[in-house]
Amino acid sequence: MSKLINKILLIMSTILILFVISFSAVFGYLFFQHSQNIESSRLESTALSLADILSKSTGNNPLTNIYNANVLQLVNILEQGEIWLVDKNTLQIVGSRFNPALTYDQLPAQAANDLQSILNGQNIRTQTFNIYTQPHYTTIGVPIYDSEGNVKGALLFHSKMPTLKFSWYDGIALMLFCSIVLFVILILLLKVLLKKYVLPLEVLNQFIEKILHHNYTSHIKTKASDEIAQLAQNLNRLSLYLQNLETTSKAKAQSDNNLIIKTAYKLHTPLKELKHDIQELAQKKSNIPESYLKQMQKNIDKLDMIANNLLDLSQLDNKDFTLQKDLLNLIEILQDSIKAREKVAKEQNIKIDLKISLAKEIILFTGDKNRLKQMFCETLDKALQIYPQKSDLIIKILEDDNNYYIYMQNNNDEISVEHLPEMFPQFYQTAEDDTILNSIELKIAQHLASLHQIKLTTEKQSDKYTVFKFTINK
């Protein structure tokens, strides 16, 4: 359940981090613009103060004559940027540190227009003078007036504005700190809430696992009334239903098993008597043809075999049934099974051909010898019943890195798919149930294979035919 909590925490953390990053970007941009406006206002206020000082201290004297004595001292005190003075009458520019010989005629057109705007009495903010100062400098230009209130010059205050990097670090530092604190608090609260509502899912999961293992003794107790509580109540009802269903199914299976056993035992007595009567008729040389008597004897043997198979199937379904396991060679058991069915195969003109393609002609296997032989014999019985007469029954033994494979197939026409409902009626629910006696051999073979961890299946070779296939783990 911790995986689910961690997954939800990861999703919520990702969403929160994306929100913080987006919000920080917007906040940083707005803070940068705000910082620019504040710094610009400060510089403009400083420039206006300097211009007012100069207006009062110079009177009608030319500005350029007093620059070194007054303005330079102010610049040294401020220790930032540059201050240029421009005389309106002579257009002489003084104060440039990097271009002390700069003249009005050397200014770009836009810079000259900005300077004229200042000399006409306007306050401006521009960056057209950066080529003569520093890349990040902003110029605040204000007019200087004489004692009569007329513009006699311009003051250009060049100063460094806050950069985006500076504003970003300074502006969002506090916000990031608050975001981190908020993030930690939210994660802790989220984890507490998730544990409160997700942990019940772990209880439900454990309860379902018990149901899957047929343990219906436990029940989920809850006092809540939310959706999870409703789910728990429904699971309790499902557990009770499955318990009743399993009890009923076991009782029915036991009843059916007892009925099969009683029927099989009851069949033995009349079949034994019929056998005895036919033998007496054969000895007395009655008018009944001998071929007819032999056919009757053969049919009675089949009925006797079916009765024995019913008893075997009932015994296999018994929970007390055990196997006498020993280390065996599975190929030898298969060969014995083939020999046991050679007589039946000859009667149907079917030739059994065993082909072994193994590195070593031996398959060591731990199992019950008699039951394994029965498994192969039952499968061979069904194969001989289904395959056409006058054909070959090919048995191939192959292997790969993980498994051994035993195939039983006909050389011309393997088992037709049309006959599959007769062989495996439990997988063909739409088929009529009158073929159950014809498929009892396969049910016994499958049950014995399952008890030995062997997989008995059919495998399609084309759209029309299939083969028997045994898969044995190495």
Protein backbone atom coordinates (compact mmCIF):
# COMPACT_ATOMS: atom_id res chain seq x y z
CA MET A 1 0.00 0.00 0.00
CA SER A 2 3.00 2.28 0.50
CA LYS A 3 3.49 2.14 -3.29
CA LEU A 4 0.07 3.73 -3.80
CA ILE A 5 0.79 6.40 -1.18
CA ASN A 6 4.16 7.18 -2.76
CA LYS A 7 2.57 7.34 -6.22
CA ILE A 8 -0.09 9.80 -5.07
CA LEU A 9 2.53 11.83 -3.22
CA LEU A 10 4.66 11.92 -6.36
CA ILE A 11 1.74 13.16 -8.47
CA MET A 12 0.75 15.80 -5.94
CA SER A 13 4.37 16.88 -5.45
CA THR A 14 4.83 17.25 -9.21
CA ILE A 15 1.69 19.39 -9.47
CA LEU A 16 2.79 21.51 -6.52
CA ILE A 17 6.31 21.97 -7.91
CA LEU A 18 4.94 23.00 -11.32
CA PHE A 19 2.64 25.47 -9.59
CA VAL A 20 5.52 26.93 -7.55
CA ILE A 21 7.74 27.26 -10.64
CA SER A 22 4.99 28.92 -12.68
CA PHE A 23 4.04 31.24 -9.84
CA SER A 24 7.70 32.10 -9.22
CA ALA A 25 8.23 32.97 -12.88
CA VAL A 26 5.22 35.31 -12.93
CA PHE A 27 6.12 36.80 -9.57
CA GLY A 28 9.74 37.33 -10.63
CA TYR A 29 8.71 39.08 -13.83
CA LEU A 30 6.31 41.39 -11.97
CA PHE A 31 8.89 42.06 -9.27
CA PHE A 32 11.46 42.92 -11.92
CA GLN A 33 9.12 45.43 -13.55
CA HIS A 34 8.29 46.88 -10.17
CA SER A 35 11.99 47.18 -9.27
CA GLN A 36 12.66 48.95 -12.56
CA ASN A 37 9.89 51.44 -11.89
CA ILE A 38 11.07 52.12 -8.33
CA GLU A 39 14.69 52.58 -9.39
CA SER A 40 13.67 54.80 -12.28
CA SER A 41 11.62 56.98 -9.94
CA ARG A 42 14.55 57.18 -7.52
CA LEU A 43 16.99 58.18 -10.24
CA GLU A 44 14.56 60.76 -11.61
CA SER A 45 14.15 62.24 -8.13
CA THR A 46 17.94 62.37 -7.71
CA ALA A 47 18.36 64.00 -11.10
CA LEU A 48 15.72 66.62 -10.33
CA SER A 49 17.41 67.40 -7.01
CA LEU A 50 20.79 67.85 -8.73
CA ALA A 51 19.24 70.00 -11.43
CA ASP A 52 17.60 72.20 -8.80
CA ILE A 53 20.91 72.58 -6.97
CA LEU A 54 22.65 73.55 -10.17
CA SER A 55 19.90 75.97 -11.11
CA LYS A 56 20.25 77.77 -7.81
CA SER A 57 24.04 77.67 -7.55
CA THR A 58 24.95 78.73 -11.10
CA GLY A 59 22.40 81.37 -11.76
CA ASN A 60 22.99 82.73 -15.27
CA ASN A 61 26.59 81.46 -15.48
CA PRO A 62 27.46 78.83 -18.12
CA LEU A 63 27.07 75.27 -16.81
CA THR A 64 30.29 73.97 -18.25
CA ASN A 65 32.39 76.39 -16.26
CA ILE A 66 31.33 75.00 -12.87
CA TYR A 67 31.26 71.27 -13.71
CA ASN A 68 34.64 70.36 -12.28
CA ALA A 69 34.16 72.32 -9.07
CA ASN A 70 30.64 71.23 -8.17
CA VAL A 71 29.30 68.34 -10.23
CA LEU A 72 32.43 66.21 -10.06
CA GLN A 73 32.35 66.52 -6.29
CA LEU A 74 28.74 65.32 -6.32
CA VAL A 75 29.64 62.38 -8.54
CA ASN A 76 32.43 61.35 -6.20
CA ILE A 77 30.04 61.52 -3.28
CA LEU A 78 27.39 59.44 -5.08
CA GLU A 79 30.00 56.99 -6.41
CA GLN A 80 27.62 55.71 -9.07
CA GLY A 81 27.01 56.29 -12.74
CA GLU A 82 27.85 59.42 -14.63
CA ILE A 83 26.43 62.92 -14.79
CA TRP A 84 26.62 64.87 -18.02
CA LEU A 85 25.89 68.55 -18.42
CA VAL A 86 24.88 70.04 -21.77
CA ASP A 87 24.81 73.78 -22.38
CA LYS A 88 21.76 74.81 -24.44
CA ASN A 89 23.51 77.65 -26.25
CA THR A 90 26.81 75.96 -27.10
CA LEU A 91 25.58 72.31 -27.00
CA GLN A 92 28.87 71.49 -25.28
CA ILE A 93 28.81 68.14 -23.43
CA VAL A 94 30.94 67.66 -20.34
CA GLY A 95 31.17 64.86 -17.76
CA SER A 96 31.65 61.71 -19.89
CA ARG A 97 34.27 59.47 -18.31
CA PHE A 98 34.78 57.19 -21.28
CA ASN A 99 34.38 59.85 -24.00
CA PRO A 100 35.58 63.18 -22.53
CA ALA A 101 35.82 64.78 -26.01
CA LEU A 102 32.26 63.82 -26.98
CA THR A 103 30.39 66.47 -28.95
CA TYR A 104 26.78 67.00 -29.86
CA ASP A 105 27.46 66.27 -33.52
CA GLN A 106 28.74 62.77 -32.63
CA LEU A 107 25.47 61.72 -30.99
CA PRO A 108 23.15 59.31 -32.83
CA ALA A 109 19.94 60.78 -34.21
CA GLN A 110 17.73 59.32 -31.48
CA ALA A 111 20.10 60.51 -28.72
CA ALA A 112 20.15 64.03 -30.26
CA ASN A 113 16.34 64.05 -30.39
CA ASP A 114 16.16 62.98 -26.75
CA LEU A 115 18.59 65.75 -25.79
CA GLN A 116 16.50 68.34 -27.65
CA SER A 117 13.41 67.13 -25.81
CA ILE A 118 15.18 67.76 -22.49
CA LEU A 119 16.31 71.23 -23.63
CA ASN A 120 12.68 71.91 -24.49
CA GLY A 121 11.74 71.30 -20.85
CA GLN A 122 10.79 67.60 -20.82
CA ASN A 123 11.92 64.92 -18.37
CA ILE A 124 12.82 61.66 -20.16
CA ARG A 125 14.08 58.17 -19.45
CA THR A 126 16.05 56.50 -22.22
CA GLN A 127 18.81 54.02 -23.02
CA THR A 128 19.99 55.66 -26.23
CA PHE A 129 23.22 56.84 -24.54
CA ASN A 130 24.38 53.30 -23.56
CA ILE A 131 27.01 53.23 -26.30
CA TYR A 132 28.86 55.96 -24.39
CA THR A 133 28.31 54.59 -20.88
CA GLN A 134 27.59 50.94 -19.83
CA PRO A 135 25.21 48.35 -21.40
CA HIS A 136 22.82 48.23 -18.43
CA TYR A 137 22.76 51.97 -17.74
CA THR A 138 19.54 53.97 -17.95
CA THR A 139 19.66 57.71 -18.59
CA ILE A 140 17.41 60.14 -16.75
CA GLY A 141 17.36 63.52 -18.46
CA VAL A 142 16.00 66.69 -16.79
CA PRO A 143 16.29 70.41 -17.76
CA ILE A 144 18.29 72.99 -15.77
CA TYR A 145 16.79 76.44 -15.44
CA ASP A 146 18.34 79.87 -14.94
CA SER A 147 17.20 82.43 -12.40
CA GLU A 148 14.47 83.62 -14.75
CA GLY A 149 13.02 80.16 -15.23
CA ASN A 150 14.30 79.57 -18.72
CA VAL A 151 16.00 76.31 -19.72
CA LYS A 152 19.70 76.88 -19.99
CA GLY A 153 20.94 73.31 -20.14
CA ALA A 154 20.32 69.63 -19.56
CA LEU A 155 21.43 67.20 -16.88
CA LEU A 156 21.87 63.57 -17.98
CA PHE A 157 22.08 61.15 -15.05
CA HIS A 158 23.37 57.72 -16.16
CA SER A 159 22.97 54.95 -13.60
CA LYS A 160 22.84 51.16 -13.54
CA MET A 161 19.34 49.72 -13.27
CA PRO A 162 18.58 46.41 -11.47
CA THR A 163 19.16 43.49 -13.86
CA LEU A 164 16.75 40.60 -14.29
CA LYS A 165 19.16 38.24 -12.50
CA PHE A 166 19.49 40.58 -9.56
CA SER A 167 15.75 41.15 -9.37
CA TRP A 168 15.03 37.43 -9.72
CA TYR A 169 17.31 36.37 -6.89
CA ASP A 170 16.25 39.23 -4.70
CA GLY A 171 12.55 39.09 -5.46
CA ILE A 172 11.75 35.41 -5.31
CA ALA A 173 14.16 34.40 -2.56
CA LEU A 174 11.56 35.07 0.10
CA MET A 175 8.81 33.55 -1.99
CA LEU A 176 10.84 30.37 -2.58
CA PHE A 177 11.51 30.05 1.11
CA CYS A 178 7.81 30.40 1.85
CA SER A 179 7.01 27.92 -0.95
CA ILE A 180 9.41 25.34 0.45
CA VAL A 181 7.90 25.67 3.91
CA LEU A 182 4.42 25.40 2.42
CA PHE A 183 5.49 22.42 0.32
CA VAL A 184 6.79 20.53 3.36
CA ILE A 185 3.65 21.29 5.36
CA LEU A 186 1.38 20.20 2.49
CA ILE A 187 3.30 16.94 1.96
CA LEU A 188 3.04 16.09 5.65
CA LEU A 189 -0.67 16.87 5.73
CA LEU A 190 -1.23 14.96 2.49
CA LYS A 191 0.60 11.93 3.83
CA VAL A 192 -1.50 11.94 6.99
CA LEU A 193 -4.73 12.22 5.01
CA LEU A 194 -3.67 9.53 2.54
CA LYS A 195 -2.85 7.14 5.34
CA LYS A 196 -6.24 7.80 6.85
CA TYR A 197 -8.11 6.97 3.64
CA VAL A 198 -5.71 4.66 1.79
CA LEU A 199 -4.83 2.30 4.64
CA PRO A 200 -8.39 0.89 4.60
CA LEU A 201 -7.62 -0.23 1.04
CA GLU A 202 -4.82 -2.37 2.45
CA VAL A 203 -7.33 -4.01 4.80
CA LEU A 204 -9.65 -4.64 1.85
CA ASN A 205 -6.79 -6.12 -0.16
CA GLN A 206 -5.86 -8.53 2.64
CA PHE A 207 -9.51 -9.53 3.00
CA ILE A 208 -9.78 -10.27 -0.75
CA GLU A 209 -6.61 -12.35 -0.61
CA LYS A 210 -8.18 -14.45 2.13
CA ILE A 211 -11.27 -14.96 -0.01
CA LEU A 212 -9.08 -16.08 -2.91
CA HIS A 213 -7.58 -18.71 -0.59
CA HIS A 214 -11.12 -19.84 0.42
CA ASN A 215 -10.84 -18.34 3.89
CA TYR A 216 -14.28 -16.93 4.73
CA THR A 217 -13.95 -16.75 8.52
CA SER A 218 -12.90 -13.09 8.80
CA HIS A 219 -15.09 -10.03 8.24
CA ILE A 220 -14.34 -6.35 7.82
CA LYS A 221 -15.56 -4.18 10.70
CA THR A 222 -16.10 -0.49 10.04
CA LYS A 223 -18.08 2.34 11.64
CA ALA A 224 -17.73 4.74 8.73
CA SER A 225 -20.42 5.40 6.12
CA ASP A 226 -18.37 6.50 3.14
CA GLU A 227 -17.81 4.67 -0.17
CA ILE A 228 -14.95 2.58 1.22
CA ALA A 229 -17.18 1.43 4.08
CA GLN A 230 -19.90 0.48 1.59
CA LEU A 231 -17.33 -1.48 -0.40
CA ALA A 232 -16.30 -3.31 2.78
CA GLN A 233 -19.92 -4.22 3.52
CA ASN A 234 -20.39 -5.54 -0.03
CA LEU A 235 -17.23 -7.63 0.32
CA ASN A 236 -18.62 -9.12 3.54
CA ARG A 237 -21.79 -10.07 1.65
CA LEU A 238 -19.69 -11.52 -1.18
CA SER A 239 -17.66 -13.57 1.29
CA LEU A 240 -20.83 -14.98 2.83
CA TYR A 241 -22.26 -15.76 -0.61
CA LEU A 242 -19.09 -17.52 -1.75
CA GLN A 243 -18.93 -19.49 1.49
CA ASN A 244 -22.48 -20.74 1.00
CA LEU A 245 -21.82 -21.44 -2.68
CA GLU A 246 -18.67 -23.41 -1.92
CA THR A 247 -20.41 -25.40 0.81
CA THR A 248 -23.28 -26.21 -1.54
CA SER A 249 -20.88 -27.09 -4.38
CA LYS A 250 -18.86 -29.42 -2.17
CA ALA A 251 -22.01 -31.13 -0.94
CA LYS A 252 -23.27 -31.54 -4.51
CA ALA A 253 -19.89 -32.81 -5.71
CA GLN A 254 -19.75 -35.32 -2.88
CA SER A 255 -23.31 -36.42 -3.64
CA ASP A 256 -22.47 -36.81 -7.35
CA ASN A 257 -19.31 -38.71 -6.48
CA ASN A 258 -21.22 -41.07 -4.21
CA LEU A 259 -23.81 -41.60 -6.95
CA ILE A 260 -21.09 -42.43 -9.48
CA ILE A 261 -19.47 -44.90 -7.10
CA LYS A 262 -22.79 -46.59 -6.33
CA THR A 263 -23.70 -46.74 -10.04
CA ALA A 264 -20.31 -48.17 -10.99
CA TYR A 265 -20.48 -50.83 -8.30
CA LYS A 266 -24.03 -51.71 -9.31
CA LEU A 267 -22.92 -52.10 -12.94
CA HIS A 268 -20.23 -54.62 -12.03
CA THR A 269 -22.69 -57.38 -10.96
CA PRO A 270 -24.92 -57.44 -14.09
CA LEU A 271 -21.90 -57.06 -16.36
CA LYS A 272 -20.22 -59.99 -14.67
CA GLU A 273 -23.36 -62.07 -15.12
CA LEU A 274 -23.66 -61.06 -18.78
CA LYS A 275 -20.06 -62.10 -19.34
CA HIS A 276 -20.73 -65.47 -17.76
CA ASP A 277 -23.88 -65.98 -19.85
CA ILE A 278 -22.10 -65.17 -23.10
CA GLN A 279 -19.28 -67.54 -22.26
CA GLU A 280 -21.82 -70.32 -21.59
CA LEU A 281 -23.59 -69.59 -24.88
CA ALA A 282 -20.27 -69.80 -26.68
CA GLN A 283 -19.43 -73.14 -25.00
CA LYS A 284 -22.87 -74.65 -25.74
CA LYS A 285 -22.51 -73.79 -29.40
CA SER A 286 -25.93 -72.20 -29.65
CA ASN A 287 -27.56 -70.95 -32.83
CA ILE A 288 -26.26 -67.43 -32.13
CA PRO A 289 -23.44 -66.60 -34.58
CA GLU A 290 -19.98 -66.56 -33.03
CA SER A 291 -19.21 -63.11 -34.46
CA TYR A 292 -22.30 -61.75 -32.72
CA LEU A 293 -21.19 -63.26 -29.42
CA LYS A 294 -17.71 -61.76 -29.80
CA GLN A 295 -19.23 -58.35 -30.50
CA MET A 296 -21.40 -58.68 -27.40
CA GLN A 297 -18.35 -59.68 -25.38
CA LYS A 298 -16.47 -56.66 -26.72
CA ASN A 299 -19.30 -54.27 -25.84
CA ILE A 300 -19.56 -55.70 -22.34
CA ASP A 301 -15.79 -55.21 -21.92
CA LYS A 302 -16.23 -51.58 -22.91
CA LEU A 303 -18.99 -51.12 -20.36
CA ASP A 304 -16.81 -52.77 -17.75
CA MET A 305 -13.97 -50.41 -18.63
CA ILE A 306 -16.31 -47.42 -18.34
CA ALA A 307 -17.43 -48.58 -14.89
CA ASN A 308 -13.80 -48.98 -13.82
CA ASN A 309 -13.04 -45.51 -15.19
CA LEU A 310 -15.90 -44.05 -13.19
CA LEU A 311 -14.48 -45.61 -10.06
CA ASP A 312 -11.01 -44.30 -10.91
CA LEU A 313 -12.37 -40.80 -11.51
CA SER A 314 -14.22 -40.86 -8.20
CA GLN A 315 -11.06 -42.03 -6.45
CA LEU A 316 -9.02 -39.20 -8.04
CA ASP A 317 -11.55 -36.63 -6.82
CA ASN A 318 -11.21 -37.93 -3.28
CA LYS A 319 -9.17 -35.53 -1.15
CA ASP A 320 -7.51 -38.50 0.59
CA PHE A 321 -6.11 -39.79 -2.72
CA THR A 322 -2.27 -39.98 -2.68
CA LEU A 323 0.41 -40.91 -5.19
CA GLN A 324 3.22 -43.43 -4.63
CA LYS A 325 6.04 -41.42 -6.16
CA ASP A 326 9.42 -42.84 -7.28
CA LEU A 327 12.21 -41.73 -9.62
CA LEU A 328 11.26 -43.11 -13.05
CA ASN A 329 12.13 -42.97 -16.72
CA LEU A 330 9.07 -41.46 -18.37
CA ILE A 331 10.01 -42.85 -21.79
CA GLU A 332 9.90 -46.41 -20.48
CA ILE A 333 6.44 -45.80 -19.01
CA LEU A 334 5.27 -44.42 -22.35
CA GLN A 335 6.68 -47.45 -24.16
CA ASP A 336 4.86 -49.79 -21.73
CA SER A 337 1.64 -47.86 -22.38
CA ILE A 338 2.10 -48.23 -26.13
CA LYS A 339 2.61 -51.98 -25.76
CA ALA A 340 -0.56 -52.20 -23.65
CA ARG A 341 -2.56 -50.57 -26.48
CA GLU A 342 -0.94 -52.31 -29.47
CA LYS A 343 -3.70 -54.95 -29.62
CA VAL A 344 -6.43 -52.30 -29.84
CA ALA A 345 -4.41 -50.41 -32.44
CA LYS A 346 -4.01 -53.54 -34.60
CA GLU A 347 -7.74 -54.19 -34.47
CA GLN A 348 -8.26 -50.73 -36.00
CA ASN A 349 -5.32 -51.07 -38.43
CA ILE A 350 -3.54 -48.16 -36.77
CA LYS A 351 0.24 -48.31 -36.56
CA ILE A 352 1.85 -46.59 -33.55
CA ASP A 353 5.21 -45.01 -34.42
CA LEU A 354 7.38 -43.61 -31.57
CA LYS A 355 9.97 -40.98 -32.56
CA ILE A 356 12.42 -39.76 -29.89
CA SER A 357 14.43 -36.58 -30.58
CA LEU A 358 16.36 -36.03 -27.36
CA ALA A 359 20.01 -35.49 -26.55
CA LYS A 360 19.70 -38.46 -24.17
CA GLU A 361 16.87 -40.95 -24.61
CA ILE A 362 15.78 -40.67 -21.01
CA ILE A 363 13.40 -38.41 -19.10
CA LEU A 364 13.93 -38.72 -15.36
CA PHE A 365 10.72 -37.96 -13.56
CA THR A 366 9.39 -38.37 -10.02
CA GLY A 367 5.86 -39.79 -10.03
CA ASP A 368 3.52 -42.72 -9.56
CA LYS A 369 4.39 -45.35 -12.18
CA ASN A 370 0.94 -46.93 -12.38
CA ARG A 371 -0.87 -43.60 -12.55
CA LEU A 372 1.47 -42.23 -15.20
CA LYS A 373 0.93 -45.37 -17.28
CA GLN A 374 -2.80 -44.93 -16.81
CA MET A 375 -2.50 -41.30 -17.97
CA PHE A 376 -0.83 -42.32 -21.24
CA CYS A 377 -3.17 -45.29 -21.76
CA GLU A 378 -6.29 -43.18 -21.32
CA THR A 379 -4.98 -40.65 -23.82
CA LEU A 380 -4.07 -43.40 -26.28
CA ASP A 381 -7.55 -44.89 -25.88
CA LYS A 382 -9.12 -41.59 -26.86
CA ALA A 383 -6.65 -41.07 -29.72
CA LEU A 384 -7.34 -44.56 -31.10
CA GLN A 385 -11.05 -43.85 -30.80
CA ILE A 386 -10.86 -40.53 -32.65
CA TYR A 387 -8.17 -41.18 -35.29
CA PRO A 388 -9.25 -42.85 -38.54
CA GLN A 389 -8.54 -46.52 -39.24
CA LYS A 390 -5.69 -47.63 -41.52
CA SER A 391 -3.45 -44.74 -40.49
CA ASP A 392 -0.38 -44.08 -38.37
CA LEU A 393 -0.42 -42.71 -34.84
CA ILE A 394 2.84 -40.79 -34.51
CA ILE A 395 4.18 -40.12 -31.02
CA LYS A 396 7.02 -37.55 -30.98
CA ILE A 397 9.21 -36.70 -28.00
CA LEU A 398 11.01 -33.33 -28.23
CA GLU A 399 12.73 -30.94 -25.84
CA ASP A 400 13.93 -27.40 -25.40
CA ASP A 401 15.85 -25.63 -22.64
CA ASN A 402 12.95 -25.72 -20.18
CA ASN A 403 10.57 -28.53 -21.07
CA TYR A 404 10.05 -31.95 -22.63
CA TYR A 405 7.16 -32.35 -25.07
CA ILE A 406 5.23 -35.49 -26.04
CA TYR A 407 2.97 -35.16 -29.09
CA MET A 408 0.34 -37.67 -30.22
CA GLN A 409 -0.94 -37.04 -33.72
CA ASN A 410 -2.20 -38.85 -36.81
CA ASN A 411 0.03 -38.93 -39.88
CA ASN A 412 -2.70 -37.78 -42.26
CA ASP A 413 -5.63 -36.33 -40.38
CA GLU A 414 -4.85 -35.25 -36.85
CA ILE A 415 -7.72 -34.88 -34.44
CA SER A 416 -10.39 -32.81 -36.10
CA VAL A 417 -11.49 -29.73 -34.25
CA GLU A 418 -15.04 -30.97 -34.74
CA HIS A 419 -14.33 -33.79 -32.28
CA LEU A 420 -12.97 -31.57 -29.53
CA PRO A 421 -16.35 -31.23 -27.75
CA GLU A 422 -16.37 -35.01 -27.39
CA MET A 423 -12.89 -35.06 -25.87
CA PHE A 424 -13.10 -31.94 -23.66
CA PRO A 425 -16.80 -31.26 -23.00
CA GLN A 426 -15.93 -29.10 -19.97
CA PHE A 427 -14.47 -26.51 -22.37
CA TYR A 428 -17.40 -26.66 -24.78
CA GLN A 429 -20.48 -25.71 -22.78
CA THR A 430 -22.69 -25.51 -25.87
CA ALA A 431 -22.09 -29.17 -26.76
CA GLU A 432 -24.64 -31.78 -25.84
CA ASP A 433 -23.85 -33.69 -22.67
CA ASP A 434 -24.54 -37.14 -24.16
CA THR A 435 -20.84 -37.55 -25.00
CA ILE A 436 -19.65 -37.48 -21.39
CA LEU A 437 -18.94 -41.22 -21.31
CA ASN A 438 -16.85 -40.91 -24.46
CA SER A 439 -14.61 -38.28 -22.83
CA ILE A 440 -14.13 -39.82 -19.41
CA GLU A 441 -10.72 -41.17 -20.50
CA LEU A 442 -9.49 -37.64 -21.15
CA LYS A 443 -10.84 -36.36 -17.84
CA ILE A 444 -8.92 -39.08 -16.01
CA ALA A 445 -5.78 -38.38 -18.06
CA GLN A 446 -6.01 -34.64 -17.39
CA HIS A 447 -6.55 -35.19 -13.67
CA LEU A 448 -3.54 -37.54 -13.41
CA ALA A 449 -1.41 -35.11 -15.44
CA SER A 450 -2.38 -32.26 -13.13
CA LEU A 451 -1.45 -34.30 -10.05
CA HIS A 452 2.04 -34.78 -11.58
CA GLN A 453 2.40 -31.11 -12.65
CA ILE A 454 2.18 -32.19 -16.28
CA LYS A 455 0.20 -30.05 -18.70
CA LEU A 456 -2.07 -31.99 -21.08
CA THR A 457 -3.48 -29.78 -23.83
CA THR A 458 -4.45 -29.77 -27.46
CA GLU A 459 -2.49 -27.78 -30.00
CA LYS A 460 -3.77 -26.65 -33.36
CA GLN A 461 -1.54 -27.46 -36.33
CA SER A 462 -3.85 -25.70 -38.78
CA ASP A 463 -7.36 -24.29 -38.87
CA LYS A 464 -8.80 -27.79 -39.02
CA TYR A 465 -6.68 -30.22 -36.99
CA THR A 466 -5.09 -30.53 -33.56
CA VAL A 467 -2.86 -32.91 -31.57
CA PHE A 468 -2.51 -34.10 -28.00
CA LYS A 469 0.41 -32.46 -26.23
CA PHE A 470 2.09 -33.28 -22.91
CA THR A 471 4.38 -30.58 -21.45
CA ILE A 472 6.81 -31.79 -18.75
CA ASN A 473 9.07 -29.38 -16.87
CA LYS A 474 12.73 -30.26 -16.76
